[in-house]
């Protein structure tokens, strides 16, 4: 076997081994974009009462009323830990999905008042409302994996038109 033939055989074997190694076929740049939709985003999307794919301040107010009423099984105007957990399981996906009870119960008194409930959800609305127009669009709900925003420092929540 001549040196050219030998080189061709070795190169062919090396290429065959590389192709069969099970390595990635496409680069990360060609991978599909994946997005996350969190439990709070799923709840906020459900506030879209008229189906126009936007959630307005009025729809948020109505959604807050509906969700607090759904959570307050005892109808006493506040949420005990078990009431919150039952609501979170049904509405937010439960388990490891946030927001968590202590996100709402900031004073850790084991009771979530309507004011605490509203404040936490409105703070999350503010996080999603990137352009500050008091309307949540579908684009504002998605985050690329790896670029989800960290929890912001607590600020006084903006009050939406009521």
Protein backbone atom coordinates (compact mmCIF):
# COMPACT_ATOMS: atom_id res chain seq x y z
CA UNK A 1 0.00 0.00 0.00
CA UNK A 2 1.38 3.38 -0.98
CA UNK A 3 1.66 6.31 1.39
CA UNK A 4 -1.22 8.17 -0.30
CA UNK A 5 -3.48 5.16 0.03
CA UNK A 6 -2.41 4.59 3.62
CA UNK A 7 -3.11 8.27 4.48
CA UNK A 8 -6.54 8.06 2.84
CA UNK A 9 -7.41 4.89 4.81
CA UNK A 10 -6.30 6.44 8.13
CA UNK A 11 -8.19 9.69 7.43
CA UNK A 12 -11.31 7.74 6.44
CA UNK A 13 -11.15 5.69 9.64
CA UNK A 14 -10.69 8.83 11.74
CA UNK A 15 -13.67 10.54 10.11
CA UNK A 16 -15.83 7.44 10.53
CA UNK A 17 -14.91 7.27 14.22
CA UNK A 18 -15.68 10.97 14.69
CA UNK A 19 -19.08 10.64 13.01
CA UNK A 20 -20.03 7.63 15.10
CA UNK A 21 -18.92 9.07 18.43
CA UNK A 22 -22.42 10.23 19.39
CA UNK A 23 -21.36 13.86 19.69
CA UNK A 24 -23.73 16.72 19.05
CA UNK A 25 -25.05 16.98 15.54
CA UNK A 26 -25.91 20.67 15.70
CA UNK A 27 -24.32 23.58 17.44
CA UNK A 28 -26.04 25.51 20.23
CA UNK A 29 -26.71 28.33 17.76
CA UNK A 30 -28.95 25.96 15.79
CA UNK A 31 -30.82 24.57 18.80
CA UNK A 32 -34.45 25.66 19.16
CA UNK A 33 -35.16 28.49 21.55
CA UNK A 34 -36.85 27.29 24.71
CA UNK A 35 -38.83 29.50 27.03
CA UNK A 36 -40.14 29.18 30.56
CA UNK A 37 -43.63 29.96 31.74
CA UNK A 38 -43.77 30.09 35.51
CA UNK A 39 -46.71 29.43 37.80
CA UNK A 40 -47.34 33.12 38.37
CA UNK A 41 -47.26 33.78 34.63
CA UNK A 42 -49.82 31.01 34.03
CA UNK A 43 -52.09 32.61 36.62
CA UNK A 44 -51.67 36.10 35.14
CA UNK A 45 -52.38 34.80 31.62
CA UNK A 46 -55.65 33.36 32.98
CA UNK A 47 -56.70 36.92 33.93
CA UNK A 48 -57.21 37.69 30.20
CA UNK A 49 -61.01 37.79 30.36
CA UNK A 50 -61.74 39.00 26.83
CA UNK A 51 -59.25 36.78 25.00
CA UNK A 52 -57.35 39.61 23.31
CA UNK A 53 -53.99 38.12 24.43
CA UNK A 54 -53.30 41.13 26.68
CA UNK A 55 -53.94 41.48 30.40
CA UNK A 56 -55.07 44.98 31.34
CA UNK A 57 -55.18 46.69 34.74
CA UNK A 58 -58.93 46.05 34.93
CA UNK A 59 -58.44 42.35 34.21
CA UNK A 60 -55.72 42.17 36.86
CA UNK A 61 -58.05 43.73 39.44
CA UNK A 62 -60.81 41.26 38.55
CA UNK A 63 -58.31 38.39 38.59
CA UNK A 64 -57.10 39.38 42.06
CA UNK A 65 -60.67 39.36 43.34
CA UNK A 66 -61.36 35.96 41.79
CA UNK A 67 -58.13 34.31 42.97
CA UNK A 68 -58.38 35.58 46.54
CA UNK A 69 -61.98 34.34 46.72
CA UNK A 70 -60.85 30.97 45.33
CA UNK A 71 -58.04 30.74 47.91
CA UNK A 72 -60.06 31.91 50.94
CA UNK A 73 -61.98 28.67 51.51
CA UNK A 74 -63.02 29.71 55.04
CA UNK A 75 -64.31 33.09 53.78
CA UNK A 76 -62.69 34.86 56.74
CA UNK A 77 -60.76 37.41 54.64
CA UNK A 78 -57.32 35.88 55.13
CA UNK A 79 -55.43 32.78 54.05
CA UNK A 80 -54.17 30.16 56.48
CA UNK A 81 -51.15 28.13 55.31
CA UNK A 82 -53.32 25.18 54.20
CA UNK A 83 -55.64 27.48 52.23
CA UNK A 84 -52.66 29.02 50.46
CA UNK A 85 -51.14 25.61 49.70
CA UNK A 86 -54.39 24.26 48.27
CA UNK A 87 -54.72 27.36 46.09
CA UNK A 88 -51.07 27.23 45.01
CA UNK A 89 -51.40 23.55 44.05
CA UNK A 90 -54.44 24.28 41.90
CA UNK A 91 -53.47 27.63 40.38
CA UNK A 92 -49.67 27.85 40.43
CA UNK A 93 -48.79 24.23 39.80
CA UNK A 94 -47.80 23.57 43.43
CA UNK A 95 -44.71 21.72 44.51
CA UNK A 96 -41.44 23.45 43.76
CA UNK A 97 -43.08 26.13 41.63
CA UNK A 98 -43.17 29.62 43.11
CA UNK A 99 -44.32 31.96 44.27
CA UNK A 100 -44.18 30.48 47.74
CA UNK A 101 -46.25 31.19 50.85
CA UNK A 102 -43.54 33.30 52.44
CA UNK A 103 -43.38 35.45 49.30
CA UNK A 104 -46.89 36.52 50.27
CA UNK A 105 -46.60 36.32 54.06
CA UNK A 106 -43.75 38.83 54.45
CA UNK A 107 -44.33 39.37 58.17
CA UNK A 108 -44.32 35.57 58.74
CA UNK A 109 -47.40 35.56 60.96
CA UNK A 110 -48.88 32.47 59.20
CA UNK A 111 -51.71 34.57 57.79
CA UNK A 112 -51.89 36.10 54.34
CA UNK A 113 -54.16 39.12 54.30
CA UNK A 114 -55.85 40.43 51.20
CA UNK A 115 -53.40 43.36 51.22
CA UNK A 116 -50.41 40.97 51.32
CA UNK A 117 -51.93 38.82 48.56
CA UNK A 118 -52.54 41.85 46.33
CA UNK A 119 -49.11 43.36 47.04
CA UNK A 120 -47.24 40.20 46.02
CA UNK A 121 -49.20 39.65 42.82
CA UNK A 122 -48.97 43.34 41.86
CA UNK A 123 -45.19 43.23 42.44
CA UNK A 124 -45.03 40.30 40.02
CA UNK A 125 -47.16 42.20 37.52
CA UNK A 126 -44.63 45.02 37.72
CA UNK A 127 -41.79 42.56 37.06
CA UNK A 128 -43.45 41.28 33.91
CA UNK A 129 -44.61 44.69 32.64
CA UNK A 130 -41.30 45.55 30.99
CA UNK A 131 -42.51 48.72 29.27
CA UNK A 132 -44.59 49.98 32.21
CA UNK A 133 -47.79 50.45 30.22
CA UNK A 134 -50.02 48.51 32.69
CA UNK A 135 -50.77 45.92 29.99
CA UNK A 136 -49.16 42.49 30.06
CA UNK A 137 -48.53 41.00 26.63
CA UNK A 138 -47.63 37.39 25.80
CA UNK A 139 -44.08 38.45 24.92
CA UNK A 140 -43.61 39.89 28.40
CA UNK A 141 -44.39 36.51 29.99
CA UNK A 142 -41.59 34.54 28.34
CA UNK A 143 -38.00 34.33 29.51
CA UNK A 144 -35.22 32.47 27.75
CA UNK A 145 -33.79 29.64 29.81
CA UNK A 146 -30.76 30.94 31.62
CA UNK A 147 -31.90 34.55 31.45
CA UNK A 148 -34.78 34.44 33.91
CA UNK A 149 -34.61 37.52 36.08
CA UNK A 150 -33.44 37.11 39.67
CA UNK A 151 -35.85 38.27 42.35
CA UNK A 152 -35.63 42.07 42.45
CA UNK A 153 -35.04 44.04 45.59
CA UNK A 154 -38.38 44.82 47.18
CA UNK A 155 -39.76 48.17 46.18
CA UNK A 156 -43.08 49.74 46.92
CA UNK A 157 -45.45 48.11 44.40
CA UNK A 158 -46.93 50.41 41.81
CA UNK A 159 -50.70 50.81 42.24
CA UNK A 160 -52.65 50.07 39.09
CA UNK A 161 -55.75 52.04 38.21
CA UNK A 162 -58.55 50.72 40.35
